[in-house]
Protein backbone atom coordinates (compact mmCIF):
# COMPACT_ATOMS: atom_id res chain seq x y z
CA MET A 1 0.01 0.00 -0.01
CA SER A 2 1.36 3.45 -0.97
CA LYS A 3 0.90 6.70 0.94
CA ILE A 4 0.80 10.44 0.20
CA ALA A 5 4.14 12.19 0.85
CA GLY A 6 3.24 15.67 -0.48
CA ILE A 7 0.24 17.69 -1.74
CA ASN A 8 0.29 20.67 -4.14
CA GLY A 9 -3.26 21.48 -5.29
CA PRO A 10 -4.38 18.56 -7.47
CA ILE A 11 -0.83 17.19 -7.60
CA LEU A 12 0.18 14.49 -5.12
CA ARG A 13 3.54 12.74 -4.57
CA SER A 14 4.36 9.36 -3.06
CA LYS A 15 7.74 7.87 -2.13
CA GLU A 16 6.79 4.22 -2.86
CA VAL A 17 8.06 4.57 -6.43
CA ASP A 18 8.30 0.85 -7.17
CA ASN A 19 4.57 0.32 -6.57
CA PHE A 20 3.39 2.58 -9.41
CA LEU A 21 2.88 2.13 -13.16
CA MET A 22 3.01 5.10 -15.55
CA SER A 23 -0.54 6.29 -16.44
CA GLU A 24 -2.03 3.98 -13.79
CA MET A 25 -5.40 4.89 -12.31
CA VAL A 26 -5.39 5.02 -8.48
CA TRP A 27 -7.84 5.68 -5.65
CA VAL A 28 -6.70 8.16 -3.00
CA SER A 29 -7.72 8.06 0.71
CA LYS A 30 -10.83 6.47 2.18
CA SER A 31 -12.96 8.85 0.04
CA LYS A 32 -11.70 7.00 -3.07
CA ILE A 33 -10.75 10.10 -5.02
CA LEU A 34 -9.78 9.19 -8.57
CA GLY A 35 -6.21 9.92 -9.63
CA GLU A 36 -3.74 9.15 -12.44
CA VAL A 37 0.01 8.60 -12.31
CA ILE A 38 1.62 11.20 -14.58
CA GLY A 39 5.30 10.93 -13.57
CA ILE A 40 7.74 8.56 -11.91
CA ASP A 41 11.38 9.34 -11.00
CA LYS A 42 13.88 7.89 -8.55
CA ASP A 43 12.44 9.82 -5.60
CA TYR A 44 8.74 10.29 -6.13
CA ALA A 45 5.72 9.10 -8.09
CA THR A 46 3.53 12.04 -9.18
CA ILE A 47 -0.26 11.72 -9.29
CA GLN A 48 -2.87 14.18 -10.52
CA VAL A 49 -6.29 13.77 -8.92
CA TYR A 50 -9.61 14.71 -10.50
CA GLU A 51 -11.40 16.11 -7.47
CA SER A 52 -10.72 18.57 -4.66
CA THR A 53 -7.81 17.69 -2.35
CA THR A 54 -9.03 19.96 0.48
CA ASN A 55 -9.39 17.24 3.13
CA LEU A 56 -6.38 15.12 2.15
CA LYS A 57 -3.29 14.90 4.35
CA VAL A 58 0.17 13.39 4.24
CA GLY A 59 0.01 9.72 5.09
CA ASP A 60 -3.37 9.00 3.43
CA GLU A 61 -3.40 5.71 1.58
CA ILE A 62 -3.26 5.25 -2.22
CA GLN A 63 -4.92 2.17 -3.67
CA HIS A 64 -3.56 0.72 -6.94
CA THR A 65 -5.72 -0.57 -9.82
CA GLN A 66 -2.94 -1.68 -12.25
CA SER A 67 -5.03 -0.23 -15.11
CA PRO A 68 -5.04 3.09 -17.00
CA LEU A 69 -7.60 5.86 -16.60
CA SER A 70 -10.77 4.40 -18.16
CA VAL A 71 -14.45 5.09 -18.68
CA ARG A 72 -17.38 2.70 -18.95
CA LEU A 73 -18.64 2.21 -22.51
CA GLY A 74 -22.07 0.71 -23.03
CA PRO A 75 -25.77 1.50 -23.25
CA GLY A 76 -26.93 4.43 -21.14
CA LEU A 77 -24.52 7.03 -22.54
CA LEU A 78 -27.07 8.68 -24.86
CA GLY A 79 -29.34 11.23 -23.24
CA ASN A 80 -27.10 11.41 -20.19
CA ILE A 81 -24.72 14.05 -18.84
CA PHE A 82 -21.30 13.19 -17.42
CA ASP A 83 -18.49 15.05 -15.74
CA GLY A 84 -14.95 15.11 -17.15
CA ILE A 85 -14.07 11.63 -15.89
CA GLY A 86 -17.26 9.90 -16.96
CA ARG A 87 -19.41 9.99 -13.82
CA PRO A 88 -23.15 10.16 -14.65
CA LEU A 89 -24.27 13.45 -13.07
CA LEU A 90 -28.02 12.87 -13.41
CA ASN A 91 -27.75 9.51 -11.64
CA LEU A 92 -25.49 11.01 -8.96
CA LYS A 93 -28.05 13.78 -8.38
CA SER A 94 -30.88 11.27 -7.88
CA THR A 95 -28.72 9.36 -5.37
CA TYR A 96 -26.83 12.07 -3.47
CA GLY A 97 -28.72 15.30 -4.31
CA SER A 98 -27.60 18.44 -6.12
CA PHE A 99 -24.43 19.02 -4.03
CA LEU A 100 -21.83 16.28 -4.37
CA ASP A 101 -19.01 15.46 -1.98
CA VAL A 102 -15.61 14.20 -3.10
CA GLY A 103 -15.40 10.49 -3.95
CA GLN A 104 -19.11 10.07 -4.61
CA ASN A 105 -19.65 7.85 -7.63
CA ILE A 106 -21.99 5.27 -9.06
CA ASP A 107 -21.01 1.99 -10.67
CA PRO A 108 -22.67 2.21 -14.12
CA THR A 109 -23.40 -1.52 -14.06
CA THR A 110 -25.90 -0.92 -11.21
CA LEU A 111 -28.06 1.42 -13.31
CA GLU A 112 -31.45 -0.01 -14.14
CA TYR A 113 -31.72 -0.96 -17.81
CA ALA A 114 -33.43 -3.91 -19.48
CA PHE A 115 -32.91 -4.73 -23.16
CA ASP A 116 -34.18 -7.37 -25.56
CA LEU A 117 -31.53 -8.30 -28.14
CA ASP A 118 -32.07 -8.97 -31.84
CA LEU A 119 -29.39 -11.46 -32.87
CA VAL A 120 -27.23 -10.80 -35.90
CA VAL A 121 -24.97 -13.83 -35.35
CA ALA A 122 -26.31 -17.19 -34.17
CA SER A 123 -24.73 -19.28 -31.41
CA GLY A 124 -22.04 -21.60 -32.70
CA GLU A 125 -20.78 -19.23 -35.40
CA ASN A 126 -17.29 -17.80 -35.55
CA VAL A 127 -17.03 -14.05 -34.83
CA LYS A 128 -14.22 -11.51 -35.25
CA TYR A 129 -13.21 -8.82 -32.81
CA GLY A 130 -15.47 -5.77 -33.35
CA GLN A 131 -18.15 -7.71 -35.28
CA VAL A 132 -21.80 -6.92 -34.54
CA ILE A 133 -23.34 -9.79 -32.53
CA ALA A 134 -26.77 -8.30 -31.77
CA THR A 135 -28.68 -5.01 -31.76
CA PHE A 136 -31.21 -3.36 -29.46
CA LYS A 137 -32.92 0.01 -29.13
CA GLU A 138 -30.88 2.21 -26.79
CA THR A 139 -33.12 5.24 -27.40
CA GLN A 140 -35.94 6.02 -29.78
CA ALA A 141 -33.37 7.48 -32.21
CA ILE A 142 -30.39 5.11 -31.96
CA THR A 143 -29.99 1.35 -32.31
CA HIS A 144 -27.15 0.07 -30.14
CA LYS A 145 -24.90 -2.53 -31.72
CA LEU A 146 -23.28 -5.09 -29.45
CA LEU A 147 -19.70 -5.66 -30.66
CA ALA A 148 -17.66 -8.82 -30.03
CA GLN A 149 -14.77 -8.22 -27.62
CA LYS A 150 -12.62 -11.07 -28.92
CA GLU A 151 -12.32 -13.49 -31.83
CA GLY A 152 -13.67 -16.98 -31.48
CA ILE A 153 -16.82 -19.13 -31.40
CA LEU A 154 -19.98 -17.45 -30.08
CA THR A 155 -21.01 -20.14 -27.60
CA TRP A 156 -23.97 -18.48 -25.83
CA VAL A 157 -26.11 -15.29 -25.98
CA LYS A 158 -28.87 -14.05 -23.70
CA THR A 159 -31.61 -12.20 -25.62
CA LYS A 160 -34.35 -11.24 -23.13
CA LYS A 161 -34.50 -8.64 -20.32
CA LEU A 162 -30.75 -8.12 -20.20
CA ASN A 163 -29.28 -5.62 -17.72
CA LEU A 164 -25.76 -4.19 -17.46
CA ILE A 165 -24.49 -6.49 -14.70
CA GLU A 166 -25.41 -9.80 -16.35
CA THR A 167 -23.36 -11.81 -18.81
CA ALA A 168 -24.67 -10.96 -22.29
CA TYR A 169 -22.74 -13.48 -24.36
CA GLU A 170 -19.85 -15.91 -24.25
CA ILE A 171 -17.07 -16.37 -26.82
CA ASP A 172 -15.16 -19.63 -26.36
CA GLU A 173 -17.05 -19.81 -23.05
CA GLU A 174 -15.47 -16.58 -21.83
CA PRO A 175 -18.24 -14.25 -20.48
CA PHE A 176 -18.80 -10.66 -21.59
CA GLY A 177 -21.38 -8.05 -20.59
CA LEU A 178 -23.10 -5.21 -22.42
CA SER A 179 -20.50 -2.69 -21.24
CA ILE A 180 -16.71 -2.52 -21.03
CA ASN A 181 -14.05 -0.30 -19.49
CA TYR A 182 -11.78 1.44 -22.00
CA PRO A 183 -8.72 3.71 -21.46
CA VAL A 184 -9.53 7.26 -22.57
CA ARG A 185 -6.05 8.15 -23.83
CA HIS A 186 -5.81 5.24 -26.30
CA GLU A 187 -7.41 5.43 -29.76
CA ARG A 188 -9.75 2.52 -30.50
CA ARG A 189 -8.72 0.06 -33.23
CA VAL A 190 -10.20 0.23 -36.73
CA SER A 191 -9.84 -1.89 -39.85
CA LYS A 192 -8.44 1.01 -41.89
CA LYS A 193 -8.72 4.75 -42.29
CA LEU A 194 -10.48 5.95 -45.44
CA GLU A 195 -10.35 9.11 -47.49
CA SER A 196 -13.56 11.05 -46.92
CA LYS A 197 -15.33 12.69 -49.86
CA GLU A 198 -18.61 13.56 -48.09
CA PRO A 199 -19.36 16.83 -46.30
CA LEU A 200 -20.77 17.17 -42.77
CA ILE A 201 -23.89 19.17 -43.69
CA THR A 202 -24.58 21.72 -40.97
CA GLY A 203 -27.50 23.74 -42.32
CA GLN A 204 -25.42 26.92 -41.91
CA ARG A 205 -24.88 28.67 -45.23
CA VAL A 206 -21.56 30.30 -44.39
CA ILE A 207 -20.12 26.85 -43.52
CA ASP A 208 -21.77 24.51 -46.04
CA THR A 209 -21.22 26.83 -48.99
CA MET A 210 -18.13 28.86 -48.16
CA PHE A 211 -16.03 26.81 -45.73
CA PRO A 212 -17.30 23.20 -45.68
CA ILE A 213 -16.05 20.44 -43.38
CA LEU A 214 -15.66 16.79 -44.29
CA LYS A 215 -17.23 13.97 -42.34
CA GLY A 216 -14.19 12.81 -40.41
CA GLY A 217 -12.61 16.26 -40.61
CA ALA A 218 -11.50 18.71 -37.94
CA ALA A 219 -12.40 22.39 -37.58
CA ALA A 220 -11.65 25.21 -35.14
CA ILE A 221 -13.83 28.19 -34.17
CA PRO A 222 -11.60 30.91 -32.75
CA GLY A 223 -13.15 34.12 -31.48
CA GLY A 224 -13.07 36.68 -28.74
CA PHE A 225 -15.52 36.92 -25.86
CA GLY A 226 -19.08 37.42 -27.15
CA ALA A 227 -18.27 36.57 -30.75
CA GLY A 228 -20.71 33.64 -30.79
CA LYS A 229 -18.55 30.48 -30.52
CA THR A 230 -20.90 28.62 -28.20
CA MET A 231 -23.95 29.71 -30.18
CA LEU A 232 -22.44 28.43 -33.43
CA GLN A 233 -21.54 25.10 -31.80
CA HIS A 234 -25.13 24.81 -30.52
CA GLN A 235 -26.39 25.33 -34.07
CA LEU A 236 -24.03 22.68 -35.41
CA ALA A 237 -25.05 20.23 -32.70
CA LYS A 238 -28.75 20.81 -33.43
CA TYR A 239 -28.76 20.65 -37.21
CA CYS A 240 -25.70 18.86 -38.60
CA ASP A 241 -26.40 15.53 -40.25
CA ALA A 242 -24.28 13.47 -37.86
CA ASP A 243 -26.04 10.47 -36.29
CA ILE A 244 -24.75 11.21 -32.76
CA ILE A 245 -23.60 14.39 -31.04
CA VAL A 246 -21.00 14.47 -28.24
CA TYR A 247 -20.90 17.93 -26.64
CA VAL A 248 -17.96 18.59 -24.29
CA GLY A 249 -18.27 21.71 -22.10
CA CYS A 250 -14.61 22.02 -21.13
CA GLY A 251 -14.18 24.82 -18.61
CA GLU A 252 -17.42 26.49 -19.75
CA ARG A 253 -19.63 28.66 -17.57
CA GLY A 254 -22.23 26.70 -15.66
CA ASN A 255 -25.15 28.73 -16.99
CA GLU A 256 -24.12 27.89 -20.58
CA MET A 257 -24.16 24.16 -19.83
CA ALA A 258 -27.55 24.61 -18.15
CA GLN A 259 -28.75 26.30 -21.34
CA VAL A 260 -27.52 23.36 -23.43
CA LEU A 261 -29.40 20.90 -21.21
CA GLN A 262 -32.60 22.91 -21.37
CA GLU A 263 -32.48 23.61 -25.13
CA PHE A 264 -31.53 20.07 -26.17
CA SER A 265 -34.25 18.52 -24.02
CA GLU A 266 -36.89 20.83 -25.52
CA LEU A 267 -35.64 20.78 -29.13
CA VAL A 268 -37.40 18.38 -31.50
CA ASP A 269 -34.88 16.40 -33.54
CA PRO A 270 -35.59 17.11 -37.24
CA LYS A 271 -34.44 13.55 -38.08
CA THR A 272 -36.68 11.62 -35.71
CA GLY A 273 -39.30 14.04 -34.38
CA LYS A 274 -38.21 13.08 -30.84
CA SER A 275 -35.99 14.87 -28.31
CA LEU A 276 -32.52 15.77 -29.56
CA LEU A 277 -31.13 14.31 -26.29
CA ASP A 278 -31.99 10.82 -27.60
CA ARG A 279 -28.83 10.97 -29.75
CA THR A 280 -26.69 13.32 -27.67
CA ILE A 281 -24.02 12.78 -24.99
CA LEU A 282 -23.20 15.78 -22.78
CA ILE A 283 -19.97 16.17 -20.83
CA ALA A 284 -20.02 19.03 -18.35
CA ASN A 285 -16.78 20.13 -16.78
CA THR A 286 -17.59 23.72 -15.83
CA SER A 287 -15.02 26.34 -14.90
CA ASN A 288 -15.52 25.82 -11.15
CA MET A 289 -14.87 22.08 -11.35
CA PRO A 290 -11.38 20.61 -10.62
CA VAL A 291 -8.84 21.69 -13.22
CA ALA A 292 -7.34 18.21 -13.68
CA ALA A 293 -10.72 16.78 -14.70
CA ARG A 294 -10.95 19.52 -17.34
CA GLU A 295 -7.76 18.19 -18.89
CA ALA A 296 -9.27 14.68 -19.03
CA SER A 297 -12.70 15.73 -20.33
CA ILE A 298 -11.91 15.95 -24.04
CA TYR A 299 -10.34 12.47 -23.94
CA THR A 300 -13.48 11.15 -22.28
CA GLY A 301 -15.58 12.78 -25.01
CA ILE A 302 -13.52 11.42 -27.90
CA THR A 303 -13.56 7.92 -26.41
CA TYR A 304 -17.37 8.02 -26.24
CA ALA A 305 -17.39 9.23 -29.87
CA GLU A 306 -15.11 6.38 -31.01
CA TYR A 307 -17.37 3.83 -29.29
CA TYR A 308 -20.34 4.82 -31.45
CA ARG A 309 -18.18 5.34 -34.54
CA ASP A 310 -17.16 1.69 -34.27
CA MET A 311 -20.85 0.75 -34.56
CA GLY A 312 -20.93 2.46 -37.98
CA TYR A 313 -22.36 5.82 -36.90
CA HIS A 314 -21.25 9.29 -38.00
CA VAL A 315 -20.44 11.29 -34.83
CA ALA A 316 -19.86 15.02 -34.37
CA LEU A 317 -17.87 16.13 -31.32
CA MET A 318 -18.09 19.71 -30.09
CA ALA A 319 -15.32 20.78 -27.71
CA ASP A 320 -15.99 24.12 -26.01
CA SER A 321 -13.36 25.28 -25.45
CA THR A 322 -9.89 23.94 -26.10
CA SER A 323 -8.37 27.19 -24.79
CA ARG A 324 -9.64 26.45 -21.29
CA TRP A 325 -8.38 22.90 -21.68
CA ALA A 326 -4.96 24.31 -22.58
CA GLU A 327 -5.13 26.57 -19.49
CA ALA A 328 -5.66 23.46 -17.39
CA LEU A 329 -2.49 21.97 -18.97
CA ARG A 330 -0.63 25.21 -18.11
CA GLU A 331 -1.76 25.17 -14.49
CA LEU A 332 -0.85 21.51 -13.99
CA SER A 333 2.48 22.06 -15.71
CA GLY A 334 3.24 24.95 -13.37
CA ARG A 335 2.50 22.85 -10.30
CA LEU A 336 4.82 20.17 -11.66
CA GLU A 337 7.52 22.85 -11.98
CA GLU A 338 8.08 22.08 -15.67
CA MET A 339 9.95 24.52 -17.87
CA PRO A 340 7.33 26.83 -19.48
CA ALA A 341 7.23 27.58 -23.19
CA GLU A 342 5.45 30.43 -25.03
CA GLU A 343 3.03 32.37 -22.78
CA GLY A 344 3.58 29.86 -19.98
CA PHE A 345 2.03 26.91 -21.83
CA PRO A 346 3.91 23.60 -21.54
CA ALA A 347 6.30 22.60 -24.32
CA TYR A 348 4.06 19.62 -25.16
CA LEU A 349 0.97 21.76 -25.94
CA ALA A 350 1.28 21.08 -29.70
CA SER A 351 1.60 17.31 -29.26
CA ARG A 352 -1.42 17.19 -26.95
CA LEU A 353 -3.51 19.14 -29.47
CA ALA A 354 -2.35 16.73 -32.18
CA GLN A 355 -3.35 13.69 -30.08
CA PHE A 356 -6.85 15.12 -29.82
CA TYR A 357 -7.50 16.38 -33.36
CA GLU A 358 -5.85 13.39 -35.04
CA ARG A 359 -8.58 11.20 -33.55
CA ALA A 360 -11.00 12.80 -36.04
CA SER A 361 -11.46 10.01 -38.57
CA TYR A 362 -13.39 8.46 -41.43
CA VAL A 363 -12.86 4.73 -41.11
CA GLU A 364 -13.85 1.22 -42.00
CA THR A 365 -14.62 -0.35 -38.66
CA LEU A 366 -13.53 -3.82 -37.54
CA GLY A 367 -17.13 -4.92 -38.17
CA GLY A 368 -16.91 -3.86 -41.82
CA SER A 369 -19.13 -0.76 -41.70
CA VAL A 370 -18.16 2.88 -42.25
CA GLY A 371 -18.16 5.43 -39.44
CA SER A 372 -16.66 8.83 -38.75
CA ILE A 373 -15.85 11.38 -36.08
CA SER A 374 -15.87 15.06 -37.00
CA ILE A 375 -14.28 17.38 -34.39
CA VAL A 376 -15.22 21.04 -33.96
CA GLY A 377 -13.14 22.78 -31.28
CA ALA A 378 -13.81 26.31 -30.04
CA ILE A 379 -10.84 28.53 -29.16
CA SER A 380 -11.03 31.56 -26.85
CA PRO A 381 -7.86 33.59 -27.51
CA GLN A 382 -7.38 36.42 -25.03
CA GLY A 383 -8.11 39.75 -26.67
CA ALA A 384 -9.16 37.94 -29.86
CA ASP A 385 -5.46 37.57 -30.71
CA PHE A 386 -5.19 34.72 -33.22
CA SER A 387 -1.40 34.74 -32.97
CA GLU A 388 -1.43 33.21 -29.49
CA PRO A 389 -0.09 29.61 -29.05
CA VAL A 390 -3.36 27.63 -28.82
CA THR A 391 -4.77 29.09 -32.05
CA GLN A 392 -1.49 28.85 -33.94
CA ASN A 393 -0.80 25.25 -32.90
CA THR A 394 -4.42 24.21 -33.60
CA GLN A 395 -4.16 25.45 -37.19
CA ARG A 396 -1.47 22.84 -37.84
CA TYR A 397 -3.89 19.93 -37.27
CA ILE A 398 -7.24 21.08 -38.68
CA GLY A 399 -8.69 21.51 -42.15
CA CYS A 400 -11.30 24.21 -41.39
CA PHE A 401 -10.71 27.55 -39.71
CA TRP A 402 -13.92 29.49 -38.97
CA ALA A 403 -12.60 32.79 -37.62
CA LEU A 404 -15.26 34.73 -35.70
CA ASP A 405 -15.24 38.53 -35.81
CA LYS A 406 -16.35 40.59 -32.82
CA ASN A 407 -17.22 43.52 -35.09
CA LEU A 408 -19.72 41.32 -36.92
CA SER A 409 -21.23 40.13 -33.65
CA TYR A 410 -21.60 43.77 -32.46
CA ILE A 411 -23.77 44.52 -35.48
CA ARG A 412 -25.79 41.32 -34.80
CA HIS A 413 -24.42 39.50 -37.83
CA PHE A 414 -24.50 35.79 -36.89
CA PRO A 415 -22.82 33.45 -37.49
CA SER A 416 -20.06 36.03 -37.19
CA VAL A 417 -17.64 34.12 -39.42
CA ASN A 418 -15.22 36.48 -41.13
CA TYR A 419 -14.97 35.30 -44.72
CA GLN A 420 -11.58 37.00 -45.20
CA ASN A 421 -9.81 35.27 -42.30
CA SER A 422 -11.53 31.87 -42.60
CA TYR A 423 -10.64 28.98 -44.87
CA SER A 424 -11.39 25.34 -45.62
CA GLU A 425 -8.83 22.91 -47.03
CA TYR A 426 -11.59 20.44 -47.83
CA THR A 427 -13.31 22.43 -50.60
CA GLN A 428 -11.59 20.80 -53.56
CA ASP A 429 -12.05 17.34 -52.03
CA LEU A 430 -15.80 17.97 -52.01
CA ALA A 431 -16.09 19.43 -55.53
CA VAL A 432 -17.16 16.13 -57.11
CA TRP A 433 -19.66 15.43 -54.33
CA TYR A 434 -21.29 18.85 -54.74
CA THR A 435 -21.48 18.39 -58.49
CA GLU A 436 -23.08 14.94 -58.22
CA ASN A 437 -25.40 15.59 -55.27
CA VAL A 438 -26.36 19.30 -55.40
CA SER A 439 -25.82 20.80 -58.86
CA VAL A 440 -23.15 21.09 -61.52
CA ASP A 441 -23.00 24.87 -60.92
CA PHE A 442 -22.67 24.82 -57.11
CA MET A 443 -18.88 25.31 -57.05
CA LYS A 444 -19.09 28.01 -59.76
CA HIS A 445 -21.70 29.88 -57.71
CA ARG A 446 -19.56 29.64 -54.62
CA GLN A 447 -16.48 30.92 -56.40
CA ARG A 448 -18.37 33.89 -57.88
CA PHE A 449 -19.71 34.76 -54.40
CA LEU A 450 -16.18 34.79 -52.97
CA SER A 451 -14.91 36.90 -55.90
CA LEU A 452 -17.68 39.47 -55.43
CA LEU A 453 -17.00 39.65 -51.68
CA ASN A 454 -13.28 40.21 -52.29
CA GLU A 455 -14.02 42.91 -54.86
CA GLU A 456 -16.39 44.59 -52.42
CA THR A 457 -13.67 44.59 -49.72
CA GLN A 458 -11.23 46.34 -52.09
CA LEU A 459 -13.83 48.90 -53.16
CA MET A 460 -14.76 49.67 -49.55
CA GLU A 461 -11.21 50.89 -48.98
CA ILE A 462 -11.78 53.49 -51.70
CA VAL A 463 -15.25 54.37 -50.36
CA LYS A 464 -13.82 55.09 -46.91
CA LEU A 465 -11.40 57.61 -48.43
CA ILE A 466 -13.41 59.41 -51.08
CA GLY A 467 -17.00 58.19 -50.88
CA GLU A 468 -19.21 55.96 -53.04
CA ASP A 469 -20.36 58.58 -55.56
CA ILE A 470 -16.96 58.58 -57.28
CA LEU A 471 -17.29 54.93 -58.28
CA ALA A 472 -18.48 53.71 -61.63
CA ASP A 473 -21.93 52.13 -61.81
CA LYS A 474 -20.48 48.60 -62.25
CA GLN A 475 -18.45 49.08 -59.08
CA ARG A 476 -21.46 50.38 -57.17
CA LEU A 477 -23.37 47.29 -58.33
CA ILE A 478 -20.61 45.13 -56.79
CA LEU A 479 -21.07 46.99 -53.49
CA GLN A 480 -24.78 46.19 -53.57
CA MET A 481 -24.05 42.53 -54.35
CA GLY A 482 -21.57 42.37 -51.48
CA ARG A 483 -24.23 43.69 -49.10
CA LEU A 484 -26.80 41.24 -50.52
CA ILE A 485 -24.48 38.27 -50.06
CA ARG A 486 -23.41 39.28 -46.55
CA VAL A 487 -26.84 40.17 -45.18
CA GLY A 488 -29.11 38.05 -47.37
CA PHE A 489 -27.00 34.88 -47.47
CA LEU A 490 -24.16 34.68 -44.94
CA GLN A 491 -26.19 36.15 -42.07
CA GLN A 492 -28.57 33.59 -40.60
CA ASN A 493 -31.25 33.79 -37.91
CA ALA A 494 -30.90 30.94 -35.41
CA PHE A 495 -34.40 31.56 -34.06
CA HIS A 496 -36.32 31.66 -37.35
CA SER A 497 -38.05 28.45 -38.35
CA LEU A 498 -37.19 28.84 -42.05
CA ASP A 499 -33.74 30.28 -41.67
CA ALA A 500 -32.16 28.36 -38.76
CA ASN A 501 -31.47 25.25 -40.85
CA VAL A 502 -31.09 25.43 -44.64
CA SER A 503 -30.62 22.51 -47.02
CA LEU A 504 -27.81 22.48 -49.60
CA ASN A 505 -30.34 22.54 -52.47
CA LYS A 506 -31.93 25.67 -51.01
CA GLN A 507 -28.51 27.30 -50.57
CA ASP A 508 -27.65 26.54 -54.21
CA LYS A 509 -30.94 27.98 -55.49
CA MET A 510 -30.46 31.13 -53.41
CA MET A 511 -26.98 31.62 -54.88
CA ALA A 512 -28.28 31.10 -58.38
CA LEU A 513 -31.07 33.66 -57.82
CA PHE A 514 -28.71 36.27 -56.38
CA LEU A 515 -26.30 35.86 -59.32
CA TYR A 516 -29.22 36.03 -61.75
CA LEU A 517 -30.08 39.45 -60.29
CA TYR A 518 -26.46 40.54 -60.57
CA ASP A 519 -26.09 39.41 -64.20
CA THR A 520 -29.39 40.98 -65.20
CA CYS A 521 -28.52 44.28 -63.52
CA LEU A 522 -25.07 44.25 -65.14
CA GLU A 523 -26.67 43.90 -68.57
CA LYS A 524 -28.83 46.95 -67.83
CA ILE A 525 -25.84 48.99 -66.71
CA GLU A 526 -23.94 48.03 -69.87
CA SER A 527 -27.02 49.21 -71.80
CA LYS A 528 -26.50 52.63 -70.18
CA TYR A 529 -29.18 52.37 -67.49
CA PRO A 530 -28.06 54.23 -64.34
CA ILE A 531 -27.47 52.30 -61.12
CA ARG A 532 -29.81 54.70 -59.29
CA ALA A 533 -32.77 53.55 -61.40
CA ILE A 534 -31.93 49.91 -60.67
CA LEU A 535 -31.72 50.58 -56.92
CA ASN A 536 -35.09 52.32 -56.97
CA THR A 537 -36.67 48.95 -57.85
CA HIS A 538 -35.75 47.76 -54.31
CA LEU A 539 -34.94 44.32 -55.72
CA PHE A 540 -31.85 43.99 -53.54
CA ASP A 541 -33.88 44.67 -50.44
CA ASP A 542 -36.51 42.14 -51.53
CA LEU A 543 -33.86 39.42 -51.91
CA ILE A 544 -32.34 40.20 -48.50
CA LEU A 545 -35.73 39.47 -46.95
CA LEU A 546 -36.24 36.32 -49.04
CA LYS A 547 -34.45 34.04 -46.50
CA ASN A 548 -37.27 34.67 -43.99
CA THR A 549 -40.03 33.52 -46.35
CA LEU A 550 -38.37 30.94 -48.64
CA SER A 551 -39.60 27.42 -47.80
CA GLU A 552 -37.93 24.18 -48.82
CA ASP A 553 -40.29 23.72 -51.81
CA LEU A 554 -38.55 26.76 -53.36
CA THR A 555 -41.68 27.94 -55.20
CA GLU A 556 -40.75 31.57 -54.49
CA ILE A 557 -37.53 31.29 -56.50
CA GLU A 558 -39.28 31.35 -59.90
CA MET A 559 -41.73 33.98 -58.65
CA MET A 560 -38.81 36.20 -57.63
CA LYS A 561 -37.11 35.71 -61.03
CA GLN A 562 -40.30 36.86 -62.72
CA ARG A 563 -40.45 39.88 -60.39
CA ILE A 564 -36.85 40.75 -61.28
CA ASP A 565 -37.61 40.58 -65.01
CA GLU A 566 -40.82 42.62 -64.63
CA LYS A 567 -39.28 45.41 -62.55
CA LEU A 568 -36.16 45.73 -64.69
CA SER A 569 -38.17 45.61 -67.93
CA LYS A 570 -40.05 48.71 -66.76
CA LEU A 571 -36.79 50.63 -67.01
CA ASP A 572 -36.94 50.35 -70.83
């Protein structure tokens, strides 16, 4: 038995060096506070604990488990909320009340569930590791797939009224249950990684059209305080076409996590018509919770995501925010007296970010199906300075950079994605998919939108100096198109039933209509009609308001084209 020799915040030291394994999970004191071995040298073993150390003292016992930090994987994850180390908070509340003491936990195998299995493989057949043995309804939205935990002969399966503590099946007469423990810092095995050519459709025009993300890709949302990072992640969680959402509140404010719980429980899932929580896992590690658990929370979240990916589901993981996770690394590094790097962050910041974002994947699972994990991480750089270490190092491992602009948020332009500072490296990979599944002109429309926005930006520099009246009519038309694209297309109302979630087909038809107006107006200007006469038709204002009335049947598109032709023909 080992004992505590020193305490420094969440960092403990023990002199019984020979008893410890690196990365071993341990229980500290009679309260059974969870800890992890993070360092061993000739004098001390160093342990970080995931709860408050207020009542600990030198000499308290440390119990060894001989296993790494792990979480329980199995049915019961969906619709639940966990802390950073995988403890079910809703179940803890029902047992201990709203205010938890250190060491209070619940064994997930004691939770009351009863499932009837539908067999995929019959007894006596040979199964491979990761193969689907049986299925059952975990929630109204998701079918859980029971995966074989070893290769061999399936000798026995129970199919009726199965709970988490019972033996579910036997392979070569070795018993297995519905749930397993899995180390959070180890990526789960797959058959092979595949090249993704399919977008994660979010319903947000500025993302789907301008800066798309692949299924299995990684994106970052950097932005200053109040720029709308959390709001954008909420929108992605609600409307993206992933099968399962894992939302990690890493160091977030408690009221924001409360808002997520309330909104997700009330929101009707557009896919199933049921509650969105039926296919959502929430991990809440708020800013007042122990800092070491914040560091572990994103690994817990990605492990949950990989578990459902291996069943053949497409999973979207939202991490809000990785900056506060990096701050936890910095605090722990300081307590360990490690040599600081840039801005006090540890020298291994980049490698830790890589370990996280590289677990985004589009794979063929061991069971032969295809699944993916798409990661969207929010970044909160101090003073909205994108040159700080977390933002700069994150850019090395992601394919999408959705830079939020506080100036846009101040004028209530949401999502406040700055199209000049943002980019997507996945656009060309998706060109064929857009052509085959949306329209042959989708990429052309997108490119023309970006060109018009860039021309508008250059012209605005002239306007600021000498005014708009000095510009030629063609240039003034570009200014009007820039405003139409920004306000009528890129700006989106999260609370409007028709505008909160927009299909790709609708986005394409809106782009085509806007460009039709531009081309028609350009013809009139080349025919010597003044820009003032064109603006007096108020067509640009009409198209800006179109997003609030345009339904998915798109009947108004042709009506608006006719209105454009009629109003401009009256200029003759």
